[in-house]
């Protein structure tokens, strides 16, 4: 009977280690996912900034009455 009692804590210790390792892995994966999401958010914001800039330049060009040069039209018509 003593052997049975001695065997139980050993398996429990392994289980505790597995839980600890799994918890650490999950934490690392969560941190990696948060970093990836942060990086993606930064890229989205940079793209939005670029698109706003291009839209503003287009509006300014239209407001100033800018026209497409004949040379540019000729290239497009090819």
PDB file of N, CA and C in Angstrom:
ATOM      1  N   UNK A   1       0.809  -1.192   0.000  1.00  0.00           N
ATOM      2  CA  UNK A   1       0.000   0.000   0.000  1.00  0.00           C
ATOM      3  C   UNK A   1       0.848   1.250   0.000  1.00  0.00           C
ATOM      4  N   UNK A   2       1.979   1.208   0.680  1.00  0.00           N
ATOM      5  CA  UNK A   2       2.832   2.379   0.706  1.00  0.00           C
ATOM      6  C   UNK A   2       3.327   2.727  -0.686  1.00  0.00           C
ATOM      7  N   UNK A   3       3.565   1.725  -1.497  1.00  0.00           N
ATOM      8  CA  UNK A   3       4.037   1.972  -2.859  1.00  0.00           C
ATOM      9  C   UNK A   3       2.993   2.718  -3.679  1.00  0.00           C
ATOM     10  N   UNK A   4       1.745   2.406  -3.472  1.00  0.00           N
ATOM     11  CA  UNK A   4       0.691   3.104  -4.204  1.00  0.00           C
ATOM     12  C   UNK A   4       0.653   4.582  -3.828  1.00  0.00           C
ATOM     13  N   UNK A   5       0.833   4.881  -2.579  1.00  0.00           N
ATOM     14  CA  UNK A   5       0.810   6.271  -2.142  1.00  0.00           C
ATOM     15  C   UNK A   5       2.031   7.022  -2.658  1.00  0.00           C
ATOM     16  N   UNK A   6       3.154   6.336  -2.728  1.00  0.00           N
ATOM     17  CA  UNK A   6       4.364   6.977  -3.219  1.00  0.00           C
ATOM     18  C   UNK A   6       4.301   7.228  -4.724  1.00  0.00           C
ATOM     19  N   UNK A   7       3.583   6.400  -5.444  1.00  0.00           N
ATOM     20  CA  UNK A   7       3.500   6.547  -6.894  1.00  0.00           C
ATOM     21  C   UNK A   7       2.618   7.736  -7.276  1.00  0.00           C
ATOM     22  N   UNK A   8       1.614   8.012  -6.530  1.00  0.00           N
ATOM     23  CA  UNK A   8       0.666   9.065  -6.877  1.00  0.00           C
ATOM     24  C   UNK A   8       1.300  10.446  -6.951  1.00  0.00           C
ATOM     25  N   UNK A   9       2.104  10.869  -5.977  1.00  0.00           N
ATOM     26  CA  UNK A   9       2.685  12.205  -6.075  1.00  0.00           C
ATOM     27  C   UNK A   9       3.601  12.359  -7.278  1.00  0.00           C
ATOM     28  N   UNK A  10       4.256  11.284  -7.671  1.00  0.00           N
ATOM     29  CA  UNK A  10       5.155  11.355  -8.820  1.00  0.00           C
ATOM     30  C   UNK A  10       4.377  11.689 -10.085  1.00  0.00           C
ATOM     31  N   UNK A  11       3.268  11.009 -10.309  1.00  0.00           N
ATOM     32  CA  UNK A  11       2.476  11.289 -11.502  1.00  0.00           C
ATOM     33  C   UNK A  11       1.838  12.672 -11.405  1.00  0.00           C
ATOM     34  N   UNK A  12       1.487  13.077 -10.210  1.00  0.00           N
ATOM     35  CA  UNK A  12       0.936  14.413 -10.020  1.00  0.00           C
ATOM     36  C   UNK A  12       1.951  15.485 -10.333  1.00  0.00           C
ATOM     37  N   UNK A  13       3.201  15.254  -9.990  1.00  0.00           N
ATOM     38  CA  UNK A  13       4.265  16.214 -10.273  1.00  0.00           C
ATOM     39  C   UNK A  13       4.457  16.365 -11.774  1.00  0.00           C
ATOM     40  N   UNK A  14       4.444  15.247 -12.493  1.00  0.00           N
ATOM     41  CA  UNK A  14       4.565  15.315 -13.953  1.00  0.00           C
ATOM     42  C   UNK A  14       3.399  16.081 -14.551  1.00  0.00           C
ATOM     43  N   UNK A  15       2.229  15.840 -14.020  1.00  0.00           N
ATOM     44  CA  UNK A  15       1.046  16.549 -14.496  1.00  0.00           C
ATOM     45  C   UNK A  15       1.179  18.046 -14.239  1.00  0.00           C
ATOM     46  N   UNK A  16       1.687  18.392 -13.058  1.00  0.00           N
ATOM     47  CA  UNK A  16       1.895  19.804 -12.732  1.00  0.00           C
ATOM     48  C   UNK A  16       2.891  20.443 -13.691  1.00  0.00           C
ATOM     49  N   UNK A  17       3.941  19.710 -14.017  1.00  0.00           N
ATOM     50  CA  UNK A  17       4.934  20.235 -14.968  1.00  0.00           C
ATOM     51  C   UNK A  17       4.306  20.457 -16.333  1.00  0.00           C
ATOM     52  N   UNK A  18       3.497  19.486 -16.771  1.00  0.00           N
ATOM     53  CA  UNK A  18       2.837  19.617 -18.069  1.00  0.00           C
ATOM     54  C   UNK A  18       1.913  20.823 -18.098  1.00  0.00           C
ATOM     55  N   UNK A  19       1.185  21.031 -17.026  1.00  0.00           N
ATOM     56  CA  UNK A  19       0.292  22.188 -16.941  1.00  0.00           C
ATOM     57  C   UNK A  19       1.112  23.466 -16.992  1.00  0.00           C
ATOM     58  N   UNK A  20       2.235  23.476 -16.271  1.00  0.00           N
ATOM     59  CA  UNK A  20       3.096  24.665 -16.260  1.00  0.00           C
ATOM     60  C   UNK A  20       3.670  24.928 -17.649  1.00  0.00           C
ATOM     61  N   UNK A  21       4.137  23.878 -18.324  1.00  0.00           N
ATOM     62  CA  UNK A  21       4.703  24.034 -19.668  1.00  0.00           C
ATOM     63  C   UNK A  21       3.618  24.489 -20.634  1.00  0.00           C
ATOM     64  N   UNK A  22       2.454  23.852 -20.568  1.00  0.00           N
ATOM     65  CA  UNK A  22       1.358  24.246 -21.452  1.00  0.00           C
ATOM     66  C   UNK A  22       0.942  25.684 -21.195  1.00  0.00           C
ATOM     67  N   UNK A  23       0.923  26.074 -19.938  1.00  0.00           N
ATOM     68  CA  UNK A  23       0.585  27.457 -19.602  1.00  0.00           C
ATOM     69  C   UNK A  23       1.614  28.423 -20.145  1.00  0.00           C
ATOM     70  N   UNK A  24       2.886  28.060 -20.038  1.00  0.00           N
ATOM     71  CA  UNK A  24       3.956  28.920 -20.557  1.00  0.00           C
ATOM     72  C   UNK A  24       3.879  29.014 -22.070  1.00  0.00           C
ATOM     73  N   UNK A  25       3.588  27.893 -22.724  1.00  0.00           N
ATOM     74  CA  UNK A  25       3.457  27.906 -24.185  1.00  0.00           C
ATOM     75  C   UNK A  25       2.289  28.785 -24.613  1.00  0.00           C
ATOM     76  N   UNK A  26       1.176  28.659 -23.918  1.00  0.00           N
ATOM     77  CA  UNK A  26       0.005  29.476 -24.245  1.00  0.00           C
ATOM     78  C   UNK A  26       0.303  30.953 -24.039  1.00  0.00           C
ATOM     79  N   UNK A  27       1.032  31.262 -22.972  1.00  0.00           N
ATOM     80  CA  UNK A  27       1.387  32.656 -22.708  1.00  0.00           C
ATOM     81  C   UNK A  27       2.287  33.189 -23.817  1.00  0.00           C
ATOM     82  N   UNK A  28       3.262  32.381 -24.239  1.00  0.00           N
ATOM     83  CA  UNK A  28       4.165  32.799 -25.314  1.00  0.00           C
ATOM     84  C   UNK A  28       3.397  32.989 -26.615  1.00  0.00           C
ATOM     85  N   UNK A  29       2.488  32.069 -26.914  1.00  0.00           N
ATOM     86  CA  UNK A  29       1.684  32.188 -28.129  1.00  0.00           C
ATOM     87  C   UNK A  29       0.802  33.426 -28.071  1.00  0.00           C
ATOM     88  N   UNK A  30       0.247  33.697 -26.913  1.00  0.00           N
ATOM     89  CA  UNK A  30      -0.594  34.879 -26.749  1.00  0.00           C
ATOM     90  C   UNK A  30       0.215  36.153 -26.968  1.00  0.00           C
ATOM     91  N   UNK A  31       1.425  36.179 -26.418  1.00  0.00           N
ATOM     92  CA  UNK A  31       2.285  37.349 -26.602  1.00  0.00           C
ATOM     93  C   UNK A  31       2.667  37.515 -28.071  1.00  0.00           C
ATOM     94  N   UNK A  32       2.970  36.401 -28.746  1.00  0.00           N
ATOM     95  CA  UNK A  32       3.304  36.468 -30.170  1.00  0.00           C
ATOM     96  C   UNK A  32       2.123  36.985 -30.974  1.00  0.00           C
ATOM     97  N   UNK A  33       0.926  36.513 -30.639  1.00  0.00           N
ATOM     98  CA  UNK A  33      -0.267  36.961 -31.353  1.00  0.00           C
ATOM     99  C   UNK A  33      -0.504  38.448 -31.117  1.00  0.00           C
ATOM    100  N   UNK A  34      -0.306  38.908 -29.891  1.00  0.00           N
ATOM    101  CA  UNK A  34      -0.478  40.330 -29.594  1.00  0.00           C
ATOM    102  C   UNK A  34       0.521  41.169 -30.377  1.00  0.00           C
ATOM    103  N   UNK A  35       1.762  40.706 -30.479  1.00  0.00           N
ATOM    104  CA  UNK A  35       2.778  41.428 -31.249  1.00  0.00           C
ATOM    105  C   UNK A  35       2.400  41.470 -32.725  1.00  0.00           C
ATOM    106  N   UNK A  36       1.911  40.343 -33.255  1.00  0.00           N
ATOM    107  CA  UNK A  36       1.502  40.294 -34.660  1.00  0.00           C
ATOM    108  C   UNK A  36       0.332  41.242 -34.912  1.00  0.00           C
ATOM    109  N   UNK A  37      -0.629  41.261 -34.002  1.00  0.00           N
ATOM    110  CA  UNK A  37      -1.777  42.157 -34.147  1.00  0.00           C
ATOM    111  C   UNK A  37      -1.347  43.618 -34.067  1.00  0.00           C
ATOM    112  N   UNK A  38      -0.418  43.909 -33.175  1.00  0.00           N
ATOM    113  CA  UNK A  38       0.094  45.278 -33.043  1.00  0.00           C
ATOM    114  C   UNK A  38       0.793  45.701 -34.331  1.00  0.00           C
ATOM    115  N   UNK A  39       1.614  44.806 -34.885  1.00  0.00           N
ATOM    116  CA  UNK A  39       2.325  45.103 -36.128  1.00  0.00           C
ATOM    117  C   UNK A  39       1.332  45.313 -37.276  1.00  0.00           C
ATOM    118  N   UNK A  40       0.331  44.454 -37.352  1.00  0.00           N
ATOM    119  CA  UNK A  40      -0.685  44.584 -38.394  1.00  0.00           C
ATOM    120  C   UNK A  40      -1.447  45.894 -38.250  1.00  0.00           C
ATOM    121  N   UNK A  41      -1.793  46.264 -37.022  1.00  0.00           N
ATOM    122  CA  UNK A  41      -2.502  47.523 -36.779  1.00  0.00           C
ATOM    123  C   UNK A  41      -1.664  48.710 -37.233  1.00  0.00           C
ATOM    124  N   UNK A  42      -0.361  48.656 -36.965  1.00  0.00           N
ATOM    125  CA  UNK A  42       0.530  49.738 -37.390  1.00  0.00           C
ATOM    126  C   UNK A  42       0.566  49.830 -38.916  1.00  0.00           C
ATOM    127  N   UNK A  43       0.579  48.690 -39.597  1.00  0.00           N
ATOM    128  CA  UNK A  43       0.588  48.690 -41.060  1.00  0.00           C
ATOM    129  C   UNK A  43      -0.719  49.241 -41.619  1.00  0.00           C
ATOM    130  N   UNK A  44      -1.833  48.874 -40.995  1.00  0.00           N
ATOM    131  CA  UNK A  44      -3.140  49.381 -41.431  1.00  0.00           C
ATOM    132  C   UNK A  44      -3.190  50.895 -41.267  1.00  0.00           C
ATOM    133  N   UNK A  45      -2.712  51.385 -40.129  1.00  0.00           N
ATOM    134  CA  UNK A  45      -2.710  52.826 -39.891  1.00  0.00           C
ATOM    135  C   UNK A  45      -1.805  53.550 -40.881  1.00  0.00           C
ATOM    136  N   UNK A  46      -0.667  52.973 -41.209  1.00  0.00           N
ATOM    137  CA  UNK A  46       0.235  53.583 -42.187  1.00  0.00           C
ATOM    138  C   UNK A  46      -0.428  53.621 -43.564  1.00  0.00           C
ATOM    139  N   UNK A  47      -1.137  52.559 -43.928  1.00  0.00           N
ATOM    140  CA  UNK A  47      -1.838  52.517 -45.211  1.00  0.00           C
ATOM    141  C   UNK A  47      -2.945  53.565 -45.242  1.00  0.00           C
ATOM    142  N   UNK A  48      -3.676  53.710 -44.153  1.00  0.00           N
ATOM    143  CA  UNK A  48      -4.724  54.731 -44.079  1.00  0.00           C
ATOM    144  C   UNK A  48      -4.132  56.122 -44.244  1.00  0.00           C
ATOM    145  N   UNK A  49      -3.019  56.375 -43.588  1.00  0.00           N
ATOM    146  CA  UNK A  49      -2.354  57.674 -43.692  1.00  0.00           C
ATOM    147  C   UNK A  49      -1.931  57.939 -45.136  1.00  0.00           C
ATOM    148  N   UNK A  50      -1.378  56.933 -45.785  1.00  0.00           N
ATOM    149  CA  UNK A  50      -0.960  57.071 -47.183  1.00  0.00           C
ATOM    150  C   UNK A  50      -2.168  57.365 -48.078  1.00  0.00           C
ATOM    151  N   UNK A  51      -3.251  56.631 -47.890  1.00  0.00           N
ATOM    152  CA  UNK A  51      -4.443  56.836 -48.718  1.00  0.00           C
ATOM    153  C   UNK A  51      -5.041  58.221 -48.495  1.00  0.00           C
ATOM    154  N   UNK A  52      -5.057  58.700 -47.244  1.00  0.00           N
ATOM    155  CA  UNK A  52      -5.546  60.063 -46.984  1.00  0.00           C
ATOM    156  C   UNK A  52      -4.672  61.082 -47.701  1.00  0.00           C
ATOM    157  N   UNK A  53      -3.371  60.864 -47.669  1.00  0.00           N
ATOM    158  CA  UNK A  53      -2.435  61.772 -48.326  1.00  0.00           C
ATOM    159  C   UNK A  53      -2.680  61.799 -49.834  1.00  0.00           C
ATOM    160  N   UNK A  54      -2.850  60.633 -50.434  1.00  0.00           N
ATOM    161  CA  UNK A  54      -3.085  60.562 -51.881  1.00  0.00           C
ATOM    162  C   UNK A  54      -4.430  61.198 -52.246  1.00  0.00           C
ATOM    163  N   UNK A  55      -5.437  60.977 -51.419  1.00  0.00           N
ATOM    164  CA  UNK A  55      -6.748  61.571 -51.670  1.00  0.00           C
ATOM    165  C   UNK A  55      -6.672  63.088 -51.575  1.00  0.00           C
ATOM    166  N   UNK A  56      -5.965  63.585 -50.577  1.00  0.00           N
ATOM    167  CA  UNK A  56      -5.801  65.031 -50.415  1.00  0.00           C
ATOM    168  C   UNK A  56      -5.074  65.629 -51.615  1.00  0.00           C
ATOM    169  N   UNK A  57      -4.040  64.974 -52.085  1.00  0.00           N
ATOM    170  CA  UNK A  57      -3.310  65.471 -53.260  1.00  0.00           C
ATOM    171  C   UNK A  57      -4.198  65.476 -54.494  1.00  0.00           C
ATOM    172  N   UNK A  58      -5.025  64.459 -54.643  1.00  0.00           N
ATOM    173  CA  UNK A  58      -5.945  64.408 -55.782  1.00  0.00           C
ATOM    174  C   UNK A  58      -6.962  65.540 -55.696  1.00  0.00           C
ATOM    175  N   UNK A  59      -7.487  65.785 -54.508  1.00  0.00           N
ATOM    176  CA  UNK A  59      -8.440  66.890 -54.324  1.00  0.00           C
ATOM    177  C   UNK A  59      -7.786  68.230 -54.638  1.00  0.00           C
ATOM    178  N   UNK A  60      -6.553  68.413 -54.180  1.00  0.00           N
ATOM    179  CA  UNK A  60      -5.841  69.658 -54.457  1.00  0.00           C
ATOM    180  C   UNK A  60      -5.616  69.831 -55.954  1.00  0.00           C
ATOM    181  N   UNK A  61      -5.269  68.753 -56.622  1.00  0.00           N
ATOM    182  CA  UNK A  61      -5.040  68.829 -58.065  1.00  0.00           C
ATOM    183  C   UNK A  61      -6.332  69.192 -58.792  1.00  0.00           C
ATOM    184  N   UNK A  62      -7.430  68.583 -58.398  1.00  0.00           N
ATOM    185  CA  UNK A  62      -8.715  68.888 -59.029  1.00  0.00           C
ATOM    186  C   UNK A  62      -9.154  70.316 -58.722  1.00  0.00           C
ATOM    187  N   UNK A  63      -8.940  70.766 -57.505  1.00  0.00           N
ATOM    188  CA  UNK A  63      -9.342  72.112 -57.107  1.00  0.00           C
ATOM    189  C   UNK A  63      -8.534  73.177 -57.833  1.00  0.00           C
ATOM    190  N   UNK A  64      -7.295  72.873 -58.153  1.00  0.00           N
ATOM    191  CA  UNK A  64      -6.451  73.860 -58.830  1.00  0.00           C
ATOM    192  C   UNK A  64      -6.681  73.861 -60.338  1.00  0.00           C
ATOM    193  N   UNK A  65      -7.541  72.994 -60.810  1.00  0.00           N
ATOM    194  CA  UNK A  65      -7.826  72.941 -62.238  1.00  0.00           C
ATOM    195  C   UNK A  65      -6.737  72.250 -63.031  1.00  0.00           C
ATOM    196  N   UNK A  66      -5.968  71.434 -62.396  1.00  0.00           N
ATOM    197  CA  UNK A  66      -4.886  70.727 -63.082  1.00  0.00           C
ATOM    198  C   UNK A  66      -5.470  69.822 -64.155  1.00  0.00           C
ATOM    199  N   UNK A  67      -4.786  69.777 -65.260  1.00  0.00           N
ATOM    200  CA  UNK A  67      -5.211  68.917 -66.358  1.00  0.00           C
ATOM    201  C   UNK A  67      -4.103  67.931 -66.672  1.00  0.00           C
ATOM    202  N   UNK A  68      -4.486  66.889 -67.337  1.00  0.00           N
ATOM    203  CA  UNK A  68      -3.514  65.884 -67.748  1.00  0.00           C
ATOM    204  C   UNK A  68      -2.823  66.399 -69.000  1.00  0.00           C
ATOM    205  N   UNK A  69      -1.535  66.284 -69.045  1.00  0.00           N
ATOM    206  CA  UNK A  69      -0.793  66.766 -70.210  1.00  0.00           C
ATOM    207  C   UNK A  69      -1.131  65.933 -71.439  1.00  0.00           C
ATOM    208  N   UNK A  70      -0.982  66.555 -72.625  1.00  0.00           N
ATOM    209  CA  UNK A  70      -1.246  65.845 -73.872  1.00  0.00           C
ATOM    210  C   UNK A  70      -0.343  64.623 -74.008  1.00  0.00           C
ATOM    211  N   UNK A  71       0.896  64.757 -73.569  1.00  0.00           N
ATOM    212  CA  UNK A  71       1.832  63.638 -73.656  1.00  0.00           C
ATOM    213  C   UNK A  71       1.314  62.460 -72.835  1.00  0.00           C
ATOM    214  N   UNK A  72       0.811  62.744 -71.644  1.00  0.00           N
ATOM    215  CA  UNK A  72       0.287  61.687 -70.787  1.00  0.00           C
ATOM    216  C   UNK A  72      -0.916  61.035 -71.447  1.00  0.00           C
ATOM    217  N   UNK A  73      -1.801  61.829 -72.051  1.00  0.00           N
ATOM    218  CA  UNK A  73      -2.973  61.290 -72.734  1.00  0.00           C
ATOM    219  C   UNK A  73      -2.552  60.417 -73.902  1.00  0.00           C
ATOM    220  N   UNK A  74      -1.525  60.838 -74.625  1.00  0.00           N
ATOM    221  CA  UNK A  74      -1.052  60.055 -75.760  1.00  0.00           C
ATOM    222  C   UNK A  74      -0.543  58.695 -75.298  1.00  0.00           C
ATOM    223  N   UNK A  75       0.137  58.666 -74.180  1.00  0.00           N
ATOM    224  CA  UNK A  75       0.643  57.398 -73.664  1.00  0.00           C
ATOM    225  C   UNK A  75      -0.516  56.501 -73.256  1.00  0.00           C
ATOM    226  N   UNK A  76      -1.534  57.085 -72.650  1.00  0.00           N
ATOM    227  CA  UNK A  76      -2.689  56.299 -72.222  1.00  0.00           C
ATOM    228  C   UNK A  76      -3.430  55.751 -73.429  1.00  0.00           C
ATOM    229  N   UNK A  77      -3.534  56.531 -74.503  1.00  0.00           N
ATOM    230  CA  UNK A  77      -4.283  56.112 -75.683  1.00  0.00           C
ATOM    231  C   UNK A  77      -3.568  55.059 -76.514  1.00  0.00           C
ATOM    232  N   UNK A  78      -2.303  54.804 -76.239  1.00  0.00           N
ATOM    233  CA  UNK A  78      -1.585  53.774 -76.992  1.00  0.00           C
ATOM    234  C   UNK A  78      -2.220  52.473 -76.703  1.00  0.00           C
TER     235      UNK A  78
END
